Amino acid sequence: MTKLSPFLGAFVLSVIVAAAAQTTIPMGTIIPVELNTTIDAKKSKPGKAITATVAQDVPLYNGSTIKAGTKVLGELLSVTPAANSRPAAIALRFNKIVVSGKTALIATNLRALASPLQVQSAQSPTQFDNRWIRPWSQTTILIGGDVPGGGDVAYREAGTVERAGRTVGKSVFAGRWGVLSQVVRCPGEAALEGNGHPQALWVFSHDACGVFGYDVTLAHADRPNPEGNIVLASTKGDIKLRSGSALLLRVIGSIGQPSQKEE
């Protein structure tokens, strides 16, 4: 058996370490995604594959970036349709991400969810903007926060995100508009890593927590399942999460090494 020279061995080791670093997503990282799959409590079955797409570049505080367009994969774990006085409920998880053409394991919880209508509204110019104003000059109101009808205001031309005259982040463009802001802790949420660093929030405010535009609540939001199981319960009728919905996923488990090549 041929032995590696000390120099060659050190080189190979450095390549392995560098490759691992490129696939490491720090704990606490928020990943904004757009849902590609419709989930219907009346029709969808457990085991249904779920896919989503990263909606804006996610700069990681270890120096790397998750690119917009990256695929995030998951599955529907359980479905309980509404019946009589029993509300509908679904459980799902996003546990895989495609990195450099390979699928790697990840655990996430859900910080915020918004309907496609909410997403469209957050990407449209405010009422005091001209409808035909150039996209890079538009002002938009982001989803969530404690402001009735909306949250942070993104001034694209100025490159800032503001709340009540205070700058809380910046508006960015990298093939698609988004925002970078430091988030605040959701009610009942334990202190998490990443809160001191700017996070990619896409169409959400820096303090957006919970569900927007759906008659749904996020069960046990203050006690995230360590496996990344997300449970949603209806407050009215059945649950139908439409393709085009926006989610803020938060990394709660370190990413695994690529498990298989993505076709």
C-alpha atoms as a PDB file:
ATOM      1  CA  MET A   1       0.000   0.000   0.000  1.00  0.00           C
ATOM      2  CA  THR A   2       1.436   3.390  -1.037  1.00  0.00           C
ATOM      3  CA  LYS A   3       1.992   5.803   1.826  1.00  0.00           C
ATOM      4  CA  LEU A   4       1.304   9.510   1.503  1.00  0.00           C
ATOM      5  CA  SER A   5       4.183  11.855   2.145  1.00  0.00           C
ATOM      6  CA  PRO A   6       3.682  14.148   5.175  1.00  0.00           C
ATOM      7  CA  PHE A   7       3.292  17.141   2.843  1.00  0.00           C
ATOM      8  CA  LEU A   8       0.767  15.399   0.588  1.00  0.00           C
ATOM      9  CA  GLY A   9      -1.104  14.088   3.612  1.00  0.00           C
ATOM     10  CA  ALA A  10      -1.338  17.586   5.071  1.00  0.00           C
ATOM     11  CA  PHE A  11      -2.591  18.917   1.731  1.00  0.00           C
ATOM     12  CA  VAL A  12      -5.315  16.256   1.489  1.00  0.00           C
ATOM     13  CA  LEU A  13      -6.367  16.962   5.071  1.00  0.00           C
ATOM     14  CA  SER A  14      -6.607  20.702   4.359  1.00  0.00           C
ATOM     15  CA  VAL A  15      -8.813  20.029   1.318  1.00  0.00           C
ATOM     16  CA  ILE A  16     -11.140  17.843   3.407  1.00  0.00           C
ATOM     17  CA  VAL A  17     -11.353  20.466   6.145  1.00  0.00           C
ATOM     18  CA  ALA A  18     -12.038  23.226   3.591  1.00  0.00           C
ATOM     19  CA  ALA A  19     -14.790  21.163   1.953  1.00  0.00           C
ATOM     20  CA  ALA A  20     -16.395  20.514   5.319  1.00  0.00           C
ATOM     21  CA  ALA A  21     -16.275  24.210   6.167  1.00  0.00           C
ATOM     22  CA  GLN A  22     -18.083  25.046   2.949  1.00  0.00           C
ATOM     23  CA  THR A  23     -20.999  22.807   3.946  1.00  0.00           C
ATOM     24  CA  THR A  24     -21.283  24.036   7.531  1.00  0.00           C
ATOM     25  CA  ILE A  25     -24.284  26.198   8.356  1.00  0.00           C
ATOM     26  CA  PRO A  26     -23.896  27.890  11.753  1.00  0.00           C
ATOM     27  CA  MET A  27     -26.526  27.214  14.402  1.00  0.00           C
ATOM     28  CA  GLY A  28     -29.146  29.944  14.533  1.00  0.00           C
ATOM     29  CA  THR A  29     -28.900  30.814  10.840  1.00  0.00           C
ATOM     30  CA  ILE A  30     -32.221  31.906   9.351  1.00  0.00           C
ATOM     31  CA  ILE A  31     -32.957  30.634   5.840  1.00  0.00           C
ATOM     32  CA  PRO A  32     -35.820  32.387   3.986  1.00  0.00           C
ATOM     33  CA  VAL A  33     -37.492  30.033   1.538  1.00  0.00           C
ATOM     34  CA  GLU A  34     -40.388  30.007  -0.908  1.00  0.00           C
ATOM     35  CA  LEU A  35     -42.556  26.903  -0.771  1.00  0.00           C
ATOM     36  CA  ASN A  36     -42.756  24.993  -4.065  1.00  0.00           C
ATOM     37  CA  THR A  37     -45.309  22.445  -2.857  1.00  0.00           C
ATOM     38  CA  THR A  38     -48.975  22.922  -1.930  1.00  0.00           C
ATOM     39  CA  ILE A  39     -49.909  21.128   1.294  1.00  0.00           C
ATOM     40  CA  ASP A  40     -53.624  20.395   1.661  1.00  0.00           C
ATOM     41  CA  ALA A  41     -54.949  18.762   4.827  1.00  0.00           C
ATOM     42  CA  LYS A  42     -57.859  17.355   2.784  1.00  0.00           C
ATOM     43  CA  LYS A  43     -55.750  15.740   0.092  1.00  0.00           C
ATOM     44  CA  SER A  44     -52.089  15.467   1.076  1.00  0.00           C
ATOM     45  CA  LYS A  45     -50.817  12.250   2.660  1.00  0.00           C
ATOM     46  CA  PRO A  46     -48.041  11.619   5.197  1.00  0.00           C
ATOM     47  CA  GLY A  47     -44.759  10.985   3.448  1.00  0.00           C
ATOM     48  CA  LYS A  48     -45.454  13.578   0.771  1.00  0.00           C
ATOM     49  CA  ALA A  49     -42.202  15.202  -0.376  1.00  0.00           C
ATOM     50  CA  ILE A  50     -41.950  18.961   0.190  1.00  0.00           C
ATOM     51  CA  THR A  51     -39.596  21.282  -1.644  1.00  0.00           C
ATOM     52  CA  ALA A  52     -38.712  24.927  -1.177  1.00  0.00           C
ATOM     53  CA  THR A  53     -36.240  27.359  -2.712  1.00  0.00           C
ATOM     54  CA  VAL A  54     -33.948  29.754  -0.863  1.00  0.00           C
ATOM     55  CA  ALA A  55     -35.375  33.188  -1.682  1.00  0.00           C
ATOM     56  CA  GLN A  56     -32.299  35.420  -1.283  1.00  0.00           C
ATOM     57  CA  ASP A  57     -28.580  34.999  -0.759  1.00  0.00           C
ATOM     58  CA  VAL A  58     -27.914  34.049   2.879  1.00  0.00           C
ATOM     59  CA  PRO A  59     -24.522  35.363   4.042  1.00  0.00           C
ATOM     60  CA  LEU A  60     -23.248  33.163   6.856  1.00  0.00           C
ATOM     61  CA  TYR A  61     -21.158  34.563   9.660  1.00  0.00           C
ATOM     62  CA  ASN A  62     -18.507  31.922   8.997  1.00  0.00           C
ATOM     63  CA  GLY A  63     -17.785  33.730   5.712  1.00  0.00           C
ATOM     64  CA  SER A  64     -19.653  31.501   3.240  1.00  0.00           C
ATOM     65  CA  THR A  65     -23.002  32.020   1.499  1.00  0.00           C
ATOM     66  CA  ILE A  66     -26.102  29.968   0.766  1.00  0.00           C
ATOM     67  CA  LYS A  67     -27.084  31.114  -2.703  1.00  0.00           C
ATOM     68  CA  ALA A  68     -30.602  32.098  -3.721  1.00  0.00           C
ATOM     69  CA  GLY A  69     -32.144  29.226  -5.662  1.00  0.00           C
ATOM     70  CA  THR A  70     -30.665  26.550  -3.391  1.00  0.00           C
ATOM     71  CA  LYS A  71     -33.121  23.710  -2.830  1.00  0.00           C
ATOM     72  CA  VAL A  72     -34.385  22.794   0.640  1.00  0.00           C
ATOM     73  CA  LEU A  73     -36.166  19.458   0.973  1.00  0.00           C
ATOM     74  CA  GLY A  74     -38.573  18.022   3.502  1.00  0.00           C
ATOM     75  CA  GLU A  75     -41.559  15.800   4.076  1.00  0.00           C
ATOM     76  CA  LEU A  76     -45.068  15.845   5.449  1.00  0.00           C
ATOM     77  CA  LEU A  77     -45.078  13.787   8.647  1.00  0.00           C
ATOM     78  CA  SER A  78     -48.756  13.675   9.597  1.00  0.00           C
ATOM     79  CA  VAL A  79     -52.114  15.099   8.502  1.00  0.00           C
ATOM     80  CA  THR A  80     -55.322  15.519  10.516  1.00  0.00           C
ATOM     81  CA  PRO A  81     -58.200  16.962   8.435  1.00  0.00           C
ATOM     82  CA  ALA A  82     -60.826  19.074  10.167  1.00  0.00           C
ATOM     83  CA  ALA A  83     -63.831  17.039  11.329  1.00  0.00           C
ATOM     84  CA  ASN A  84     -66.822  18.214  13.364  1.00  0.00           C
ATOM     85  CA  SER A  85     -65.298  20.384  16.112  1.00  0.00           C
ATOM     86  CA  ARG A  86     -61.790  19.017  15.654  1.00  0.00           C
ATOM     87  CA  PRO A  87     -59.408  21.480  13.974  1.00  0.00           C
ATOM     88  CA  ALA A  88     -57.081  20.436  11.182  1.00  0.00           C
ATOM     89  CA  ALA A  89     -53.391  19.905  11.953  1.00  0.00           C
ATOM     90  CA  ILE A  90     -50.296  19.028   9.980  1.00  0.00           C
ATOM     91  CA  ALA A  91     -46.742  18.154  10.970  1.00  0.00           C
ATOM     92  CA  LEU A  92     -43.825  18.586   8.605  1.00  0.00           C
ATOM     93  CA  ARG A  93     -40.105  19.138   8.575  1.00  0.00           C
ATOM     94  CA  PHE A  94     -37.379  20.493   6.345  1.00  0.00           C
ATOM     95  CA  ASN A  95     -34.328  18.318   6.909  1.00  0.00           C
ATOM     96  CA  LYS A  96     -32.210  18.430   3.751  1.00  0.00           C
ATOM     97  CA  ILE A  97     -30.463  21.094   1.726  1.00  0.00           C
ATOM     98  CA  VAL A  98     -28.661  20.737  -1.579  1.00  0.00           C
ATOM     99  CA  VAL A  99     -25.064  21.944  -1.227  1.00  0.00           C
ATOM    100  CA  SER A 100     -22.688  21.872  -4.196  1.00  0.00           C
ATOM    101  CA  GLY A 101     -24.930  19.404  -5.991  1.00  0.00           C
ATOM    102  CA  LYS A 102     -25.180  17.048  -3.019  1.00  0.00           C
ATOM    103  CA  THR A 103     -27.897  16.550  -0.434  1.00  0.00           C
ATOM    104  CA  ALA A 104     -26.879  17.188   3.174  1.00  0.00           C
ATOM    105  CA  LEU A 105     -28.818  16.784   6.403  1.00  0.00           C
ATOM    106  CA  ILE A 106     -30.033  19.721   8.467  1.00  0.00           C
ATOM    107  CA  ALA A 107     -32.508  20.363  11.305  1.00  0.00           C
ATOM    108  CA  THR A 108     -34.684  23.491  11.307  1.00  0.00           C
ATOM    109  CA  ASN A 109     -37.610  25.037  13.084  1.00  0.00           C
ATOM    110  CA  LEU A 110     -40.088  27.617  11.820  1.00  0.00           C
ATOM    111  CA  ARG A 111     -39.854  31.257  12.885  1.00  0.00           C
ATOM    112  CA  ALA A 112     -42.463  32.718  10.518  1.00  0.00           C
ATOM    113  CA  LEU A 113     -44.861  31.696   7.737  1.00  0.00           C
ATOM    114  CA  ALA A 114     -46.750  33.945   5.294  1.00  0.00           C
ATOM    115  CA  SER A 115     -49.275  33.345   2.521  1.00  0.00           C
ATOM    116  CA  PRO A 116     -48.543  34.134  -1.154  1.00  0.00           C
ATOM    117  CA  LEU A 117     -50.855  37.149  -0.897  1.00  0.00           C
ATOM    118  CA  GLN A 118     -48.768  38.516   1.973  1.00  0.00           C
ATOM    119  CA  VAL A 119     -45.609  37.915  -0.075  1.00  0.00           C
ATOM    120  CA  GLN A 120     -47.050  39.751  -3.064  1.00  0.00           C
ATOM    121  CA  SER A 121     -48.047  42.690  -0.880  1.00  0.00           C
ATOM    122  CA  ALA A 122     -44.579  42.905   0.684  1.00  0.00           C
ATOM    123  CA  GLN A 123     -42.983  43.012  -2.768  1.00  0.00           C
ATOM    124  CA  SER A 124     -45.299  45.714  -4.145  1.00  0.00           C
ATOM    125  CA  PRO A 125     -44.694  49.468  -3.884  1.00  0.00           C
ATOM    126  CA  THR A 126     -46.405  51.256  -1.024  1.00  0.00           C
ATOM    127  CA  GLN A 127     -49.491  53.311  -1.753  1.00  0.00           C
ATOM    128  CA  PHE A 128     -47.459  56.522  -1.740  1.00  0.00           C
ATOM    129  CA  ASP A 129     -45.152  55.159  -4.441  1.00  0.00           C
ATOM    130  CA  ASN A 130     -46.016  55.424  -8.114  1.00  0.00           C
ATOM    131  CA  ARG A 131     -47.052  51.961  -9.368  1.00  0.00           C
ATOM    132  CA  TRP A 132     -44.647  52.244 -12.293  1.00  0.00           C
ATOM    133  CA  ILE A 133     -41.652  53.452 -10.320  1.00  0.00           C
ATOM    134  CA  ARG A 134     -38.408  51.616 -11.046  1.00  0.00           C
ATOM    135  CA  PRO A 135     -37.929  48.532  -8.799  1.00  0.00           C
ATOM    136  CA  TRP A 136     -34.678  49.822  -7.289  1.00  0.00           C
ATOM    137  CA  SER A 137     -36.414  53.028  -6.211  1.00  0.00           C
ATOM    138  CA  GLN A 138     -39.463  51.419  -4.624  1.00  0.00           C
ATOM    139  CA  THR A 139     -40.499  51.488  -0.981  1.00  0.00           C
ATOM    140  CA  THR A 140     -42.101  48.330   0.430  1.00  0.00           C
ATOM    141  CA  ILE A 141     -43.638  47.344   3.759  1.00  0.00           C
ATOM    142  CA  LEU A 142     -42.401  44.001   5.043  1.00  0.00           C
ATOM    143  CA  ILE A 143     -44.410  41.225   6.680  1.00  0.00           C
ATOM    144  CA  GLY A 144     -44.903  41.054  10.418  1.00  0.00           C
ATOM    145  CA  GLY A 145     -43.823  43.100  13.352  1.00  0.00           C
ATOM    146  CA  ASP A 146     -46.070  45.038  15.715  1.00  0.00           C
ATOM    147  CA  VAL A 147     -47.221  47.649  13.185  1.00  0.00           C
ATOM    148  CA  PRO A 148     -50.846  47.187  12.026  1.00  0.00           C
ATOM    149  CA  GLY A 149     -50.890  46.189   8.372  1.00  0.00           C
ATOM    150  CA  GLY A 150     -47.163  45.624   8.126  1.00  0.00           C
ATOM    151  CA  GLY A 151     -43.759  45.860   9.720  1.00  0.00           C
ATOM    152  CA  ASP A 152     -40.402  47.276   8.689  1.00  0.00           C
ATOM    153  CA  VAL A 153     -40.227  49.664   5.729  1.00  0.00           C
ATOM    154  CA  ALA A 154     -37.591  48.868   3.084  1.00  0.00           C
ATOM    155  CA  TYR A 155     -36.301  51.888   1.185  1.00  0.00           C
ATOM    156  CA  ARG A 156     -34.554  50.261  -1.749  1.00  0.00           C
ATOM    157  CA  GLU A 157     -33.003  53.400  -3.218  1.00  0.00           C
ATOM    158  CA  ALA A 158     -31.550  54.406   0.159  1.00  0.00           C
ATOM    159  CA  GLY A 159     -30.577  50.810   0.884  1.00  0.00           C
ATOM    160  CA  THR A 160     -32.082  50.928   4.367  1.00  0.00           C
ATOM    161  CA  VAL A 161     -34.777  49.151   6.344  1.00  0.00           C
ATOM    162  CA  GLU A 162     -36.445  51.318   8.970  1.00  0.00           C
ATOM    163  CA  ARG A 163     -39.010  51.104  11.757  1.00  0.00           C
ATOM    164  CA  ALA A 164     -40.426  54.303  13.277  1.00  0.00           C
ATOM    165  CA  GLY A 165     -37.486  56.342  11.991  1.00  0.00           C
ATOM    166  CA  ARG A 166     -34.890  53.896  13.324  1.00  0.00           C
ATOM    167  CA  THR A 167     -32.646  51.928  10.959  1.00  0.00           C
ATOM    168  CA  VAL A 168     -33.028  48.208  11.659  1.00  0.00           C
ATOM    169  CA  GLY A 169     -31.370  46.715   8.588  1.00  0.00           C
ATOM    170  CA  LYS A 170     -30.528  47.171   4.936  1.00  0.00           C
ATOM    171  CA  SER A 171     -32.215  46.446   1.639  1.00  0.00           C
ATOM    172  CA  VAL A 172     -30.130  44.252  -0.679  1.00  0.00           C
ATOM    173  CA  PHE A 173     -30.313  42.923  -4.231  1.00  0.00           C
ATOM    174  CA  ALA A 174     -28.544  39.835  -5.548  1.00  0.00           C
ATOM    175  CA  GLY A 175     -30.698  38.681  -8.439  1.00  0.00           C
ATOM    176  CA  ARG A 176     -33.706  39.204  -6.167  1.00  0.00           C
ATOM    177  CA  TRP A 177     -34.682  41.783  -3.563  1.00  0.00           C
ATOM    178  CA  GLY A 178     -34.324  40.977   0.121  1.00  0.00           C
ATOM    179  CA  VAL A 179     -33.258  42.468   3.427  1.00  0.00           C
ATOM    180  CA  LEU A 180     -30.551  41.881   6.006  1.00  0.00           C
ATOM    181  CA  SER A 181     -31.433  42.659   9.622  1.00  0.00           C
ATOM    182  CA  GLN A 182     -30.565  41.554  13.126  1.00  0.00           C
ATOM    183  CA  VAL A 183     -33.596  39.709  14.475  1.00  0.00           C
ATOM    184  CA  VAL A 184     -35.171  40.030  17.895  1.00  0.00           C
ATOM    185  CA  ARG A 185     -36.160  37.074  19.996  1.00  0.00           C
ATOM    186  CA  CYS A 186     -39.673  35.750  19.434  1.00  0.00           C
ATOM    187  CA  PRO A 187     -41.977  35.639  22.504  1.00  0.00           C
ATOM    188  CA  GLY A 188     -41.069  32.652  24.647  1.00  0.00           C
ATOM    189  CA  GLU A 189     -38.032  31.857  22.524  1.00  0.00           C
ATOM    190  CA  ALA A 190     -34.779  30.920  24.216  1.00  0.00           C
ATOM    191  CA  ALA A 191     -31.633  32.854  23.410  1.00  0.00           C
ATOM    192  CA  LEU A 192     -30.258  31.598  20.105  1.00  0.00           C
ATOM    193  CA  GLU A 193     -26.997  31.907  18.282  1.00  0.00           C
ATOM    194  CA  GLY A 194     -27.033  34.221  15.290  1.00  0.00           C
ATOM    195  CA  ASN A 195     -29.139  37.007  16.812  1.00  0.00           C
ATOM    196  CA  GLY A 196     -26.114  39.300  16.900  1.00  0.00           C
ATOM    197  CA  HIS A 197     -25.477  38.941  13.172  1.00  0.00           C
ATOM    198  CA  PRO A 198     -27.458  40.292  10.188  1.00  0.00           C
ATOM    199  CA  GLN A 199     -29.849  37.634   8.923  1.00  0.00           C
ATOM    200  CA  ALA A 200     -31.449  37.224   5.497  1.00  0.00           C
ATOM    201  CA  LEU A 201     -35.197  37.806   5.952  1.00  0.00           C
ATOM    202  CA  TRP A 202     -36.424  38.321   2.341  1.00  0.00           C
ATOM    203  CA  VAL A 203     -39.952  39.793   2.792  1.00  0.00           C
ATOM    204  CA  PHE A 204     -40.140  39.641   6.603  1.00  0.00           C
ATOM    205  CA  SER A 205     -39.596  42.230   9.319  1.00  0.00           C
ATOM    206  CA  HIS A 206     -36.793  41.811  11.830  1.00  0.00           C
ATOM    207  CA  ASP A 207     -39.326  40.926  14.563  1.00  0.00           C
ATOM    208  CA  ALA A 208     -41.731  38.812  12.472  1.00  0.00           C
ATOM    209  CA  CYS A 209     -42.791  35.718  14.410  1.00  0.00           C
ATOM    210  CA  GLY A 210     -45.684  33.332  13.807  1.00  0.00           C
ATOM    211  CA  VAL A 211     -48.144  32.990  10.933  1.00  0.00           C
ATOM    212  CA  PHE A 212     -49.396  35.725   8.577  1.00  0.00           C
ATOM    213  CA  GLY A 213     -52.263  35.422   6.108  1.00  0.00           C
ATOM    214  CA  TYR A 214     -53.405  31.956   7.178  1.00  0.00           C
ATOM    215  CA  ASP A 215     -55.917  30.883   9.844  1.00  0.00           C
ATOM    216  CA  VAL A 216     -53.231  28.737  11.402  1.00  0.00           C
ATOM    217  CA  THR A 217     -51.145  28.763  14.562  1.00  0.00           C
ATOM    218  CA  LEU A 218     -47.645  27.422  15.091  1.00  0.00           C
ATOM    219  CA  ALA A 219     -47.953  24.859  17.868  1.00  0.00           C
ATOM    220  CA  HIS A 220     -45.258  24.754  20.546  1.00  0.00           C
ATOM    221  CA  ALA A 221     -43.413  27.680  18.957  1.00  0.00           C
ATOM    222  CA  ASP A 222     -41.541  28.218  22.213  1.00  0.00           C
ATOM    223  CA  ARG A 223     -40.472  24.558  22.432  1.00  0.00           C
ATOM    224  CA  PRO A 224     -38.987  23.593  19.057  1.00  0.00           C
ATOM    225  CA  ASN A 225     -38.670  19.890  18.456  1.00  0.00           C
ATOM    226  CA  PRO A 226     -34.968  18.965  18.340  1.00  0.00           C
ATOM    227  CA  GLU A 227     -35.636  16.854  15.242  1.00  0.00           C
ATOM    228  CA  GLY A 228     -37.096  19.908  13.500  1.00  0.00           C
ATOM    229  CA  ASN A 229     -40.723  18.792  13.413  1.00  0.00           C
ATOM    230  CA  ILE A 230     -43.064  21.726  12.714  1.00  0.00           C
ATOM    231  CA  VAL A 231     -46.688  21.430  13.853  1.00  0.00           C
ATOM    232  CA  LEU A 232     -49.380  23.749  12.477  1.00  0.00           C
ATOM    233  CA  ALA A 233     -52.954  23.788  13.783  1.00  0.00           C
ATOM    234  CA  SER A 234     -55.957  25.396  12.136  1.00  0.00           C
ATOM    235  CA  THR A 235     -58.009  28.066  13.891  1.00  0.00           C
ATOM    236  CA  LYS A 236     -60.709  27.866  11.218  1.00  0.00           C
ATOM    237  CA  GLY A 237     -61.503  24.974   8.894  1.00  0.00           C
ATOM    238  CA  ASP A 238     -58.864  22.972   7.078  1.00  0.00           C
ATOM    239  CA  ILE A 239     -55.254  23.862   6.329  1.00  0.00           C
ATOM    240  CA  LYS A 240     -54.010  24.551   2.829  1.00  0.00           C
ATOM    241  CA  LEU A 241     -50.499  25.962   2.537  1.00  0.00           C
ATOM    242  CA  ARG A 242     -50.113  27.162  -1.023  1.00  0.00           C
ATOM    243  CA  SER A 243     -47.088  27.038  -3.256  1.00  0.00           C
ATOM    244  CA  GLY A 244     -45.486  30.475  -3.135  1.00  0.00           C
ATOM    245  CA  SER A 245     -45.809  30.803   0.630  1.00  0.00           C
ATOM    246  CA  ALA A 246     -42.817  32.276   2.463  1.00  0.00           C
ATOM    247  CA  LEU A 247     -41.108  30.650   5.439  1.00  0.00           C
ATOM    248  CA  LEU A 248     -38.304  31.662   7.739  1.00  0.00           C
ATOM    249  CA  LEU A 249     -36.533  28.440   8.699  1.00  0.00           C
ATOM    250  CA  ARG A 250     -33.982  28.553  11.502  1.00  0.00           C
ATOM    251  CA  VAL A 251     -31.117  26.081  11.793  1.00  0.00           C
ATOM    252  CA  ILE A 252     -31.274  24.232  15.126  1.00  0.00           C
ATOM    253  CA  GLY A 253     -29.004  21.323  14.245  1.00  0.00           C
ATOM    254  CA  SER A 254     -25.608  21.261  12.567  1.00  0.00           C
ATOM    255  CA  ILE A 255     -25.536  20.236   8.953  1.00  0.00           C
ATOM    256  CA  GLY A 256     -24.344  16.751   8.099  1.00  0.00           C
ATOM    257  CA  GLN A 257     -21.885  15.828   5.399  1.00  0.00           C
ATOM    258  CA  PRO A 258     -23.369  15.340   1.918  1.00  0.00           C
ATOM    259  CA  SER A 259     -25.170  12.000   1.911  1.00  0.00           C
ATOM    260  CA  GLN A 260     -25.843  11.532  -1.777  1.00  0.00           C
ATOM    261  CA  LYS A 261     -25.435  13.219  -5.108  1.00  0.00           C
ATOM    262  CA  GLU A 262     -28.467  15.231  -6.175  1.00  0.00           C
ATOM    263  CA  GLU A 263     -29.622  14.251  -9.645  1.00  0.00           C
END
